[in-house]
Amino acid sequence: MTLPPPPPLEQQEKLEQLRALEAGLRIDVTIVDTVPRGVDTPADLETRPPDTGEKLSGCYKGAP
């Protein structure tokens, strides 16, 4: 999916979700019992526990 360039509000607030909302897309949320560990930086990827069974897809080179 391709989104339009960042609108002024997204640039001001630094929330990329605003681009999707301004483009008319819907964002769903749900309540969960546990929170999975996020992988947001290359350092997170390096410190991720081995063989967690999590399937990762990301933009970092070398990410599974």
PDB file of N, CA and C in Angstrom:
ATOM      1  N   MET A   1       0.844  -1.165   0.000  1.00  0.00           N
ATOM      2  CA  MET A   1       0.000   0.000   0.000  1.00  0.00           C
ATOM      3  C   MET A   1       0.893   1.233   0.000  1.00  0.00           C
ATOM      4  N   THR A   2       0.529   2.209  -0.768  1.00  0.00           N
ATOM      5  CA  THR A   2       1.263   3.458  -0.828  1.00  0.00           C
ATOM      6  C   THR A   2       0.401   4.568  -0.259  1.00  0.00           C
ATOM      7  N   LEU A   3       0.964   5.320   0.661  1.00  0.00           N
ATOM      8  CA  LEU A   3       0.237   6.432   1.260  1.00  0.00           C
ATOM      9  C   LEU A   3       0.768   7.739   0.691  1.00  0.00           C
ATOM     10  N   PRO A   4      -0.043   8.771   0.745  1.00  0.00           N
ATOM     11  CA  PRO A   4       0.412  10.078   0.281  1.00  0.00           C
ATOM     12  C   PRO A   4       1.516  10.625   1.188  1.00  0.00           C
ATOM     13  N   PRO A   5       2.168  11.718   0.772  1.00  0.00           N
ATOM     14  CA  PRO A   5       3.206  12.311   1.622  1.00  0.00           C
ATOM     15  C   PRO A   5       2.645  12.756   2.968  1.00  0.00           C
ATOM     16  N   PRO A   6       3.511  12.925   3.954  1.00  0.00           N
ATOM     17  CA  PRO A   6       3.038  13.318   5.283  1.00  0.00           C
ATOM     18  C   PRO A   6       2.289  14.650   5.261  1.00  0.00           C
ATOM     19  N   PRO A   7       1.074  14.678   5.834  1.00  0.00           N
ATOM     20  CA  PRO A   7       0.345  15.940   5.934  1.00  0.00           C
ATOM     21  C   PRO A   7       0.944  16.797   7.050  1.00  0.00           C
ATOM     22  N   PRO A   8       0.617  18.082   7.070  1.00  0.00           N
ATOM     23  CA  PRO A   8       1.187  18.972   8.090  1.00  0.00           C
ATOM     24  C   PRO A   8       0.959  18.502   9.528  1.00  0.00           C
ATOM     25  N   LEU A   9      -0.233  17.975   9.828  1.00  0.00           N
ATOM     26  CA  LEU A   9      -0.499  17.533  11.198  1.00  0.00           C
ATOM     27  C   LEU A   9       0.424  16.390  11.602  1.00  0.00           C
ATOM     28  N   GLU A  10       0.680  15.457  10.694  1.00  0.00           N
ATOM     29  CA  GLU A  10       1.603  14.359  11.000  1.00  0.00           C
ATOM     30  C   GLU A  10       3.003  14.905  11.263  1.00  0.00           C
ATOM     31  N   GLN A  11       3.431  15.843  10.462  1.00  0.00           N
ATOM     32  CA  GLN A  11       4.761  16.426  10.656  1.00  0.00           C
ATOM     33  C   GLN A  11       4.846  17.157  11.992  1.00  0.00           C
ATOM     34  N   GLN A  12       3.773  17.823  12.375  1.00  0.00           N
ATOM     35  CA  GLN A  12       3.757  18.562  13.640  1.00  0.00           C
ATOM     36  C   GLN A  12       3.724  17.622  14.833  1.00  0.00           C
ATOM     37  N   GLU A  13       2.868  16.607  14.787  1.00  0.00           N
ATOM     38  CA  GLU A  13       2.655  15.722  15.923  1.00  0.00           C
ATOM     39  C   GLU A  13       3.598  14.520  15.947  1.00  0.00           C
ATOM     40  N   LYS A  14       4.263  14.236  14.835  1.00  0.00           N
ATOM     41  CA  LYS A  14       5.178  13.094  14.722  1.00  0.00           C
ATOM     42  C   LYS A  14       4.456  11.759  14.945  1.00  0.00           C
ATOM     43  N   LEU A  15       3.234  11.647  14.411  1.00  0.00           N
ATOM     44  CA  LEU A  15       2.454  10.415  14.500  1.00  0.00           C
ATOM     45  C   LEU A  15       2.132   9.939  13.092  1.00  0.00           C
ATOM     46  N   GLU A  16       2.790   8.863  12.650  1.00  0.00           N
ATOM     47  CA  GLU A  16       2.575   8.395  11.281  1.00  0.00           C
ATOM     48  C   GLU A  16       1.166   7.855  11.058  1.00  0.00           C
ATOM     49  N   GLN A  17       0.454   7.500  12.135  1.00  0.00           N
ATOM     50  CA  GLN A  17      -0.921   7.025  11.998  1.00  0.00           C
ATOM     51  C   GLN A  17      -1.830   8.106  11.411  1.00  0.00           C
ATOM     52  N   LEU A  18      -1.471   9.364  11.631  1.00  0.00           N
ATOM     53  CA  LEU A  18      -2.309  10.450  11.123  1.00  0.00           C
ATOM     54  C   LEU A  18      -2.365  10.458   9.605  1.00  0.00           C
ATOM     55  N   ARG A  19      -1.306   9.996   8.943  1.00  0.00           N
ATOM     56  CA  ARG A  19      -1.314   9.956   7.480  1.00  0.00           C
ATOM     57  C   ARG A  19      -2.388   8.993   6.990  1.00  0.00           C
ATOM     58  N   ALA A  20      -2.463   7.825   7.612  1.00  0.00           N
ATOM     59  CA  ALA A  20      -3.478   6.841   7.220  1.00  0.00           C
ATOM     60  C   ALA A  20      -4.877   7.372   7.495  1.00  0.00           C
ATOM     61  N   LEU A  21      -5.069   7.993   8.654  1.00  0.00           N
ATOM     62  CA  LEU A  21      -6.389   8.523   8.992  1.00  0.00           C
ATOM     63  C   LEU A  21      -6.800   9.638   8.036  1.00  0.00           C
ATOM     64  N   GLU A  22      -5.867  10.535   7.709  1.00  0.00           N
ATOM     65  CA  GLU A  22      -6.197  11.617   6.779  1.00  0.00           C
ATOM     66  C   GLU A  22      -6.459  11.091   5.371  1.00  0.00           C
ATOM     67  N   ALA A  23      -5.908   9.906   5.054  1.00  0.00           N
ATOM     68  CA  ALA A  23      -6.151   9.303   3.746  1.00  0.00           C
ATOM     69  C   ALA A  23      -7.468   8.531   3.728  1.00  0.00           C
ATOM     70  N   GLY A  24      -8.187   8.529   4.871  1.00  0.00           N
ATOM     71  CA  GLY A  24      -9.489   7.876   4.924  1.00  0.00           C
ATOM     72  C   GLY A  24      -9.433   6.416   5.327  1.00  0.00           C
ATOM     73  N   LEU A  25      -8.264   5.949   5.773  1.00  0.00           N
ATOM     74  CA  LEU A  25      -8.153   4.557   6.203  1.00  0.00           C
ATOM     75  C   LEU A  25      -8.598   4.416   7.651  1.00  0.00           C
ATOM     76  N   ARG A  26      -8.942   3.209   8.020  1.00  0.00           N
ATOM     77  CA  ARG A  26      -9.390   2.917   9.369  1.00  0.00           C
ATOM     78  C   ARG A  26      -8.264   2.221  10.121  1.00  0.00           C
ATOM     79  N   ILE A  27      -8.094   2.548  11.387  1.00  0.00           N
ATOM     80  CA  ILE A  27      -7.124   1.874  12.241  1.00  0.00           C
ATOM     81  C   ILE A  27      -7.901   1.179  13.343  1.00  0.00           C
ATOM     82  N   ASP A  28      -7.773  -0.128  13.428  1.00  0.00           N
ATOM     83  CA  ASP A  28      -8.451  -0.907  14.460  1.00  0.00           C
ATOM     84  C   ASP A  28      -7.505  -1.159  15.621  1.00  0.00           C
ATOM     85  N   VAL A  29      -8.057  -1.288  16.806  1.00  0.00           N
ATOM     86  CA  VAL A  29      -7.291  -1.622  17.996  1.00  0.00           C
ATOM     87  C   VAL A  29      -8.009  -2.736  18.734  1.00  0.00           C
ATOM     88  N   THR A  30      -7.279  -3.424  19.583  1.00  0.00           N
ATOM     89  CA  THR A  30      -7.883  -4.460  20.407  1.00  0.00           C
ATOM     90  C   THR A  30      -7.138  -4.532  21.730  1.00  0.00           C
ATOM     91  N   ILE A  31      -7.778  -5.062  22.735  1.00  0.00           N
ATOM     92  CA  ILE A  31      -7.162  -5.259  24.041  1.00  0.00           C
ATOM     93  C   ILE A  31      -6.580  -6.665  24.061  1.00  0.00           C
ATOM     94  N   VAL A  32      -5.332  -6.790  24.518  1.00  0.00           N
ATOM     95  CA  VAL A  32      -4.663  -8.085  24.575  1.00  0.00           C
ATOM     96  C   VAL A  32      -4.203  -8.365  25.993  1.00  0.00           C
ATOM     97  N   ASP A  33      -3.961  -9.647  26.283  1.00  0.00           N
ATOM     98  CA  ASP A  33      -3.518 -10.041  27.621  1.00  0.00           C
ATOM     99  C   ASP A  33      -2.018  -9.860  27.817  1.00  0.00           C
ATOM    100  N   THR A  34      -1.252  -9.987  26.738  1.00  0.00           N
ATOM    101  CA  THR A  34       0.199  -9.828  26.828  1.00  0.00           C
ATOM    102  C   THR A  34       0.656  -8.895  25.716  1.00  0.00           C
ATOM    103  N   VAL A  35       1.787  -8.275  25.937  1.00  0.00           N
ATOM    104  CA  VAL A  35       2.331  -7.356  24.947  1.00  0.00           C
ATOM    105  C   VAL A  35       3.604  -7.974  24.373  1.00  0.00           C
ATOM    106  N   PRO A  36       3.629  -8.227  23.060  1.00  0.00           N
ATOM    107  CA  PRO A  36       4.838  -8.794  22.478  1.00  0.00           C
ATOM    108  C   PRO A  36       5.971  -7.765  22.497  1.00  0.00           C
ATOM    109  N   ARG A  37       7.181  -8.269  22.533  1.00  0.00           N
ATOM    110  CA  ARG A  37       8.353  -7.389  22.530  1.00  0.00           C
ATOM    111  C   ARG A  37       8.499  -6.773  21.149  1.00  0.00           C
ATOM    112  N   GLY A  38       8.614  -5.476  21.089  1.00  0.00           N
ATOM    113  CA  GLY A  38       8.748  -4.786  19.813  1.00  0.00           C
ATOM    114  C   GLY A  38      10.180  -4.824  19.287  1.00  0.00           C
ATOM    115  N   VAL A  39      10.295  -4.815  17.984  1.00  0.00           N
ATOM    116  CA  VAL A  39      11.589  -4.713  17.320  1.00  0.00           C
ATOM    117  C   VAL A  39      11.503  -3.467  16.450  1.00  0.00           C
ATOM    118  N   ASP A  40      11.998  -2.353  16.996  1.00  0.00           N
ATOM    119  CA  ASP A  40      11.864  -1.067  16.322  1.00  0.00           C
ATOM    120  C   ASP A  40      13.183  -0.514  15.795  1.00  0.00           C
ATOM    121  N   THR A  41      14.281  -1.081  16.239  1.00  0.00           N
ATOM    122  CA  THR A  41      15.594  -0.578  15.824  1.00  0.00           C
ATOM    123  C   THR A  41      16.498  -1.764  15.517  1.00  0.00           C
ATOM    124  N   PRO A  42      17.591  -1.538  14.806  1.00  0.00           N
ATOM    125  CA  PRO A  42      18.549  -2.628  14.591  1.00  0.00           C
ATOM    126  C   PRO A  42      19.066  -3.205  15.914  1.00  0.00           C
ATOM    127  N   ALA A  43      19.222  -2.364  16.934  1.00  0.00           N
ATOM    128  CA  ALA A  43      19.688  -2.853  18.243  1.00  0.00           C
ATOM    129  C   ALA A  43      18.668  -3.809  18.855  1.00  0.00           C
ATOM    130  N   ASP A  44      17.361  -3.515  18.702  1.00  0.00           N
ATOM    131  CA  ASP A  44      16.318  -4.420  19.199  1.00  0.00           C
ATOM    132  C   ASP A  44      16.424  -5.783  18.516  1.00  0.00           C
ATOM    133  N   LEU A  45      16.692  -5.750  17.226  1.00  0.00           N
ATOM    134  CA  LEU A  45      16.806  -6.995  16.473  1.00  0.00           C
ATOM    135  C   LEU A  45      17.981  -7.820  16.983  1.00  0.00           C
ATOM    136  N   GLU A  46      19.081  -7.135  17.297  1.00  0.00           N
ATOM    137  CA  GLU A  46      20.269  -7.833  17.793  1.00  0.00           C
ATOM    138  C   GLU A  46      20.057  -8.426  19.180  1.00  0.00           C
ATOM    139  N   THR A  47      19.254  -7.782  20.023  1.00  0.00           N
ATOM    140  CA  THR A  47      19.060  -8.254  21.398  1.00  0.00           C
ATOM    141  C   THR A  47      17.819  -9.119  21.559  1.00  0.00           C
ATOM    142  N   ARG A  48      17.152  -9.407  20.467  1.00  0.00           N
ATOM    143  CA  ARG A  48      15.963 -10.269  20.501  1.00  0.00           C
ATOM    144  C   ARG A  48      16.361 -11.653  20.981  1.00  0.00           C
ATOM    145  N   PRO A  49      15.597 -12.230  21.894  1.00  0.00           N
ATOM    146  CA  PRO A  49      15.933 -13.587  22.356  1.00  0.00           C
ATOM    147  C   PRO A  49      15.968 -14.571  21.185  1.00  0.00           C
ATOM    148  N   PRO A  50      16.902 -15.502  21.203  1.00  0.00           N
ATOM    149  CA  PRO A  50      17.000 -16.456  20.093  1.00  0.00           C
ATOM    150  C   PRO A  50      15.800 -17.390  20.028  1.00  0.00           C
ATOM    151  N   ASP A  51      15.435 -17.744  18.819  1.00  0.00           N
ATOM    152  CA  ASP A  51      14.403 -18.741  18.553  1.00  0.00           C
ATOM    153  C   ASP A  51      13.132 -18.542  19.380  1.00  0.00           C
ATOM    154  N   THR A  52      12.563 -17.359  19.317  1.00  0.00           N
ATOM    155  CA  THR A  52      11.327 -17.100  20.048  1.00  0.00           C
ATOM    156  C   THR A  52      10.111 -17.648  19.315  1.00  0.00           C
ATOM    157  N   GLY A  53      10.325 -18.080  18.070  1.00  0.00           N
ATOM    158  CA  GLY A  53       9.215 -18.563  17.281  1.00  0.00           C
ATOM    159  C   GLY A  53       8.437 -17.434  16.629  1.00  0.00           C
ATOM    160  N   GLU A  54       8.848 -16.193  16.903  1.00  0.00           N
ATOM    161  CA  GLU A  54       8.166 -15.049  16.301  1.00  0.00           C
ATOM    162  C   GLU A  54       8.598 -14.907  14.851  1.00  0.00           C
ATOM    163  N   LYS A  55       7.648 -14.678  13.994  1.00  0.00           N
ATOM    164  CA  LYS A  55       7.981 -14.396  12.607  1.00  0.00           C
ATOM    165  C   LYS A  55       8.128 -12.894  12.474  1.00  0.00           C
ATOM    166  N   LEU A  56       9.306 -12.479  12.082  1.00  0.00           N
ATOM    167  CA  LEU A  56       9.562 -11.051  11.951  1.00  0.00           C
ATOM    168  C   LEU A  56       9.563 -10.657  10.491  1.00  0.00           C
ATOM    169  N   SER A  57       9.011  -9.521  10.221  1.00  0.00           N
ATOM    170  CA  SER A  57       9.180  -8.917   8.916  1.00  0.00           C
ATOM    171  C   SER A  57       9.494  -7.471   9.196  1.00  0.00           C
ATOM    172  N   GLY A  58      10.535  -6.993   8.605  1.00  0.00           N
ATOM    173  CA  GLY A  58      10.920  -5.629   8.895  1.00  0.00           C
ATOM    174  C   GLY A  58      11.726  -5.035   7.775  1.00  0.00           C
ATOM    175  N   CYS A  59      12.113  -3.821   7.988  1.00  0.00           N
ATOM    176  CA  CYS A  59      12.848  -3.114   6.958  1.00  0.00           C
ATOM    177  C   CYS A  59      14.345  -3.173   7.179  1.00  0.00           C
ATOM    178  N   TYR A  60      14.794  -3.815   8.238  1.00  0.00           N
ATOM    179  CA  TYR A  60      16.223  -3.864   8.494  1.00  0.00           C
ATOM    180  C   TYR A  60      16.883  -4.954   7.671  1.00  0.00           C
ATOM    181  N   LYS A  61      17.985  -4.610   7.059  1.00  0.00           N
ATOM    182  CA  LYS A  61      18.716  -5.562   6.222  1.00  0.00           C
ATOM    183  C   LYS A  61      19.113  -6.751   7.094  1.00  0.00           C
ATOM    184  N   GLY A  62      18.846  -7.915   6.600  1.00  0.00           N
ATOM    185  CA  GLY A  62      19.178  -9.120   7.328  1.00  0.00           C
ATOM    186  C   GLY A  62      18.052  -9.619   8.217  1.00  0.00           C
ATOM    187  N   ALA A  63      16.965  -8.861   8.329  1.00  0.00           N
ATOM    188  CA  ALA A  63      15.837  -9.320   9.144  1.00  0.00           C
ATOM    189  C   ALA A  63      15.168 -10.490   8.426  1.00  0.00           C
ATOM    190  N   PRO A  64      14.781 -11.528   9.181  1.00  0.00           N
ATOM    191  CA  PRO A  64      14.122 -12.686   8.561  1.00  0.00           C
ATOM    192  C   PRO A  64      12.803 -12.317   7.900  1.00  0.00           C
TER     193      PRO A  64
END
